[in-house]
Amino acid sequence: MYKEVCKKKHGVFLGVIIIITAGFCLLSVPDWLENLLLNRPLRGEGFYEMTVLLVTAFVLLLYLRTFMTGYTYCLIDNEVIIRKIIGRREVTVADFRLNQIAEIGLEENAEKSDYSLRSASRFYNVREKKKTVYIVYTDNDGKTRILLFTPSERMFKIISEKMLDKRGKM
């Protein structure tokens, strides 16, 4: 068994700014609701504050999805398991055997591939500076899936060697 963790990358400063902005906008919500319930015309600042609140909520959601997510890559015998970590919860997002892999390579060499990476599932942190690897495999339903992830050089080498061993035995 070989296991790697793609750590979460926290952008603390950005998160604090987003939360403070949302807090200030939330302070104006009672005034905005009072104007709405009493059929008073909305003043310009109330409308703009609600717009800022909605935009801030959207940016906060993107922030949480981008910076608060980690991944675990496991190689157990001949099976690759990728788990997504959000907080303390882990969810398996990909699970396949090495004999299901049709192609593996670095993302920079993907132009030579027969497959398009546009529809690929991305299982890595955006701020990672590692080399991204693509894997094309057939799942249990017979569908061809493509995924991108950032394993270490050691894990990439292990998967590639095991694939070559399996193909040599066929």
Protein backbone atom coordinates (compact mmCIF):
# COMPACT_ATOMS: atom_id res chain seq x y z
CA MET A 1 0.00 0.00 0.00
CA TYR A 2 1.24 3.45 -0.92
CA LYS A 3 -0.58 6.60 0.18
CA GLU A 4 -0.10 10.31 -0.52
CA VAL A 5 -1.97 13.37 0.67
CA CYS A 6 -2.43 16.42 -1.54
CA LYS A 7 -2.68 18.99 1.25
CA LYS A 8 -5.21 21.76 1.49
CA LYS A 9 -3.89 25.18 0.54
CA HIS A 10 -5.37 27.85 2.77
CA GLY A 11 -5.51 31.41 1.57
CA VAL A 12 -6.08 32.87 5.02
CA PHE A 13 -5.89 36.54 4.08
CA LEU A 14 -8.44 36.22 1.28
CA GLY A 15 -10.78 34.25 3.53
CA VAL A 16 -10.67 36.85 6.31
CA ILE A 17 -11.39 39.68 3.85
CA ILE A 18 -14.36 37.78 2.39
CA ILE A 19 -15.81 37.02 5.83
CA ILE A 20 -15.44 40.64 7.02
CA THR A 21 -17.13 41.92 3.85
CA ALA A 22 -20.00 39.46 4.30
CA GLY A 23 -20.34 40.52 7.95
CA PHE A 24 -20.67 44.20 7.08
CA CYS A 25 -23.22 43.41 4.39
CA LEU A 26 -25.24 41.26 6.79
CA LEU A 27 -25.52 44.23 9.16
CA SER A 28 -27.66 46.02 6.56
CA VAL A 29 -30.04 43.07 5.96
CA PRO A 30 -32.55 44.08 8.71
CA ASP A 31 -32.83 47.59 7.25
CA TRP A 32 -33.26 46.17 3.77
CA LEU A 33 -35.97 43.73 4.93
CA GLU A 34 -37.79 46.49 6.84
CA ASN A 35 -37.92 48.63 3.69
CA LEU A 36 -39.12 45.65 1.70
CA LEU A 37 -41.89 44.71 4.18
CA LEU A 38 -43.15 48.29 4.62
CA ASN A 39 -43.23 48.83 0.83
CA ARG A 40 -40.75 51.66 1.04
CA PRO A 41 -38.74 52.25 -2.08
CA LEU A 42 -35.32 50.63 -1.98
CA ARG A 43 -32.62 53.18 -1.58
CA GLY A 44 -29.57 52.78 -3.73
CA GLU A 45 -27.30 51.75 -0.90
CA GLY A 46 -29.59 48.89 0.19
CA PHE A 47 -29.64 47.46 -3.30
CA TYR A 48 -25.89 47.74 -3.66
CA GLU A 49 -25.30 46.17 -0.25
CA MET A 50 -27.44 43.17 -1.17
CA THR A 51 -25.60 42.86 -4.47
CA VAL A 52 -22.27 42.93 -2.62
CA LEU A 53 -23.62 40.34 -0.16
CA LEU A 54 -24.63 37.96 -2.96
CA VAL A 55 -21.32 38.41 -4.79
CA THR A 56 -19.44 37.87 -1.51
CA ALA A 57 -21.41 34.68 -0.82
CA PHE A 58 -20.54 33.40 -4.30
CA VAL A 59 -16.84 34.24 -3.85
CA LEU A 60 -16.86 32.58 -0.41
CA LEU A 61 -18.30 29.41 -1.95
CA LEU A 62 -15.57 29.41 -4.59
CA TYR A 63 -12.98 30.04 -1.89
CA LEU A 64 -14.19 27.06 0.15
CA ARG A 65 -14.21 24.77 -2.90
CA THR A 66 -10.75 25.88 -4.01
CA PHE A 67 -8.73 26.28 -0.84
CA MET A 68 -10.42 24.04 1.70
CA THR A 69 -10.27 20.81 -0.30
CA GLY A 70 -7.55 18.18 -0.12
CA TYR A 71 -7.07 14.83 -1.83
CA THR A 72 -5.66 11.45 -0.82
CA TYR A 73 -4.16 9.20 -3.47
CA CYS A 74 -3.88 5.52 -2.47
CA LEU A 75 -2.36 2.63 -4.36
CA ILE A 76 -3.37 -0.66 -2.73
CA ASP A 77 -2.12 -3.74 -4.58
CA ASN A 78 -3.48 -3.10 -8.10
CA GLU A 79 -6.14 -0.57 -7.20
CA VAL A 80 -5.96 3.24 -7.32
CA ILE A 81 -8.28 5.09 -4.94
CA ILE A 82 -8.65 8.88 -4.90
CA ARG A 83 -10.49 10.47 -1.99
CA LYS A 84 -11.61 14.08 -1.64
CA ILE A 85 -11.15 15.60 1.84
CA ILE A 86 -13.43 18.44 2.92
CA GLY A 87 -13.03 19.24 6.59
CA ARG A 88 -12.92 15.88 8.36
CA ARG A 89 -15.06 14.08 5.81
CA GLU A 90 -13.51 11.89 3.11
CA VAL A 91 -15.40 10.90 -0.03
CA THR A 92 -14.12 8.43 -2.62
CA VAL A 93 -14.22 10.18 -6.00
CA ALA A 94 -12.34 7.65 -8.13
CA ASP A 95 -11.66 3.94 -7.66
CA PHE A 96 -10.23 1.74 -10.41
CA ARG A 97 -7.85 -1.13 -11.02
CA LEU A 98 -4.58 -0.80 -12.91
CA ASN A 99 -5.80 -3.18 -15.64
CA GLN A 100 -8.63 -0.70 -16.40
CA ILE A 101 -6.14 2.03 -17.35
CA ALA A 102 -5.95 2.65 -21.08
CA GLU A 103 -3.42 5.48 -21.01
CA ILE A 104 -1.31 7.44 -18.52
CA GLY A 105 0.96 10.41 -19.01
CA LEU A 106 1.88 13.95 -18.08
CA GLU A 107 -0.65 16.65 -18.91
CA GLU A 108 1.93 18.56 -20.95
CA ASN A 109 2.17 15.54 -23.30
CA ALA A 110 -1.61 15.20 -23.66
CA GLU A 111 -1.68 16.64 -27.20
CA LYS A 112 -0.31 13.30 -28.42
CA SER A 113 -3.18 11.48 -26.72
CA ASP A 114 -6.33 10.29 -28.49
CA TYR A 115 -8.43 11.73 -25.66
CA SER A 116 -9.47 15.31 -24.89
CA LEU A 117 -8.75 16.59 -21.39
CA ARG A 118 -11.59 19.13 -21.51
CA SER A 119 -14.00 16.73 -19.84
CA ALA A 120 -11.44 15.41 -17.36
CA SER A 121 -12.18 15.33 -13.64
CA ARG A 122 -9.60 17.37 -11.75
CA PHE A 123 -8.47 15.93 -8.42
CA TYR A 124 -5.73 18.29 -7.31
CA ASN A 125 -5.32 21.69 -5.67
CA VAL A 126 -5.18 24.57 -8.09
CA ARG A 127 -2.21 26.16 -6.35
CA GLU A 128 -0.05 23.02 -6.57
CA LYS A 129 3.06 23.49 -8.68
CA LYS A 130 3.60 19.78 -9.23
CA LYS A 131 3.33 18.15 -12.61
CA THR A 132 -0.20 17.08 -13.42
CA VAL A 133 -0.76 13.50 -14.60
CA TYR A 134 -3.69 12.30 -16.67
CA ILE A 135 -5.15 8.80 -16.57
CA VAL A 136 -7.67 7.41 -19.04
CA TYR A 137 -9.50 4.37 -17.73
CA THR A 138 -12.67 2.37 -18.28
CA ASP A 139 -14.94 2.21 -15.26
CA ASN A 140 -17.07 -0.77 -14.23
CA ASP A 141 -19.99 0.49 -16.37
CA GLY A 142 -17.82 0.43 -19.50
CA LYS A 143 -17.57 4.25 -19.75
CA THR A 144 -14.24 5.86 -20.54
CA ARG A 145 -13.21 8.32 -17.84
CA ILE A 146 -10.35 10.80 -17.75
CA LEU A 147 -8.90 12.24 -14.57
CA LEU A 148 -6.13 14.66 -13.70
CA PHE A 149 -4.20 14.49 -10.44
CA THR A 150 -0.78 15.39 -9.02
CA PRO A 151 0.97 12.30 -7.67
CA SER A 152 4.59 12.38 -6.62
CA GLU A 153 7.27 11.14 -9.00
CA ARG A 154 7.48 7.94 -6.93
CA MET A 155 3.75 7.15 -7.21
CA PHE A 156 3.72 7.95 -10.95
CA LYS A 157 6.67 5.62 -11.43
CA ILE A 158 5.02 2.81 -9.40
CA ILE A 159 1.76 3.04 -11.39
CA SER A 160 3.61 3.16 -14.73
CA GLU A 161 5.81 0.17 -13.83
CA LYS A 162 2.86 -1.90 -12.59
CA MET A 163 0.96 -1.11 -15.79
CA LEU A 164 3.93 -2.24 -17.89
CA ASP A 165 4.19 -5.42 -15.81
CA LYS A 166 0.49 -6.19 -16.32
CA ARG A 167 0.70 -5.56 -20.07
CA GLY A 168 3.82 -7.70 -20.34
CA LYS A 169 2.00 -10.64 -18.72
CA MET A 170 -0.99 -10.42 -21.10
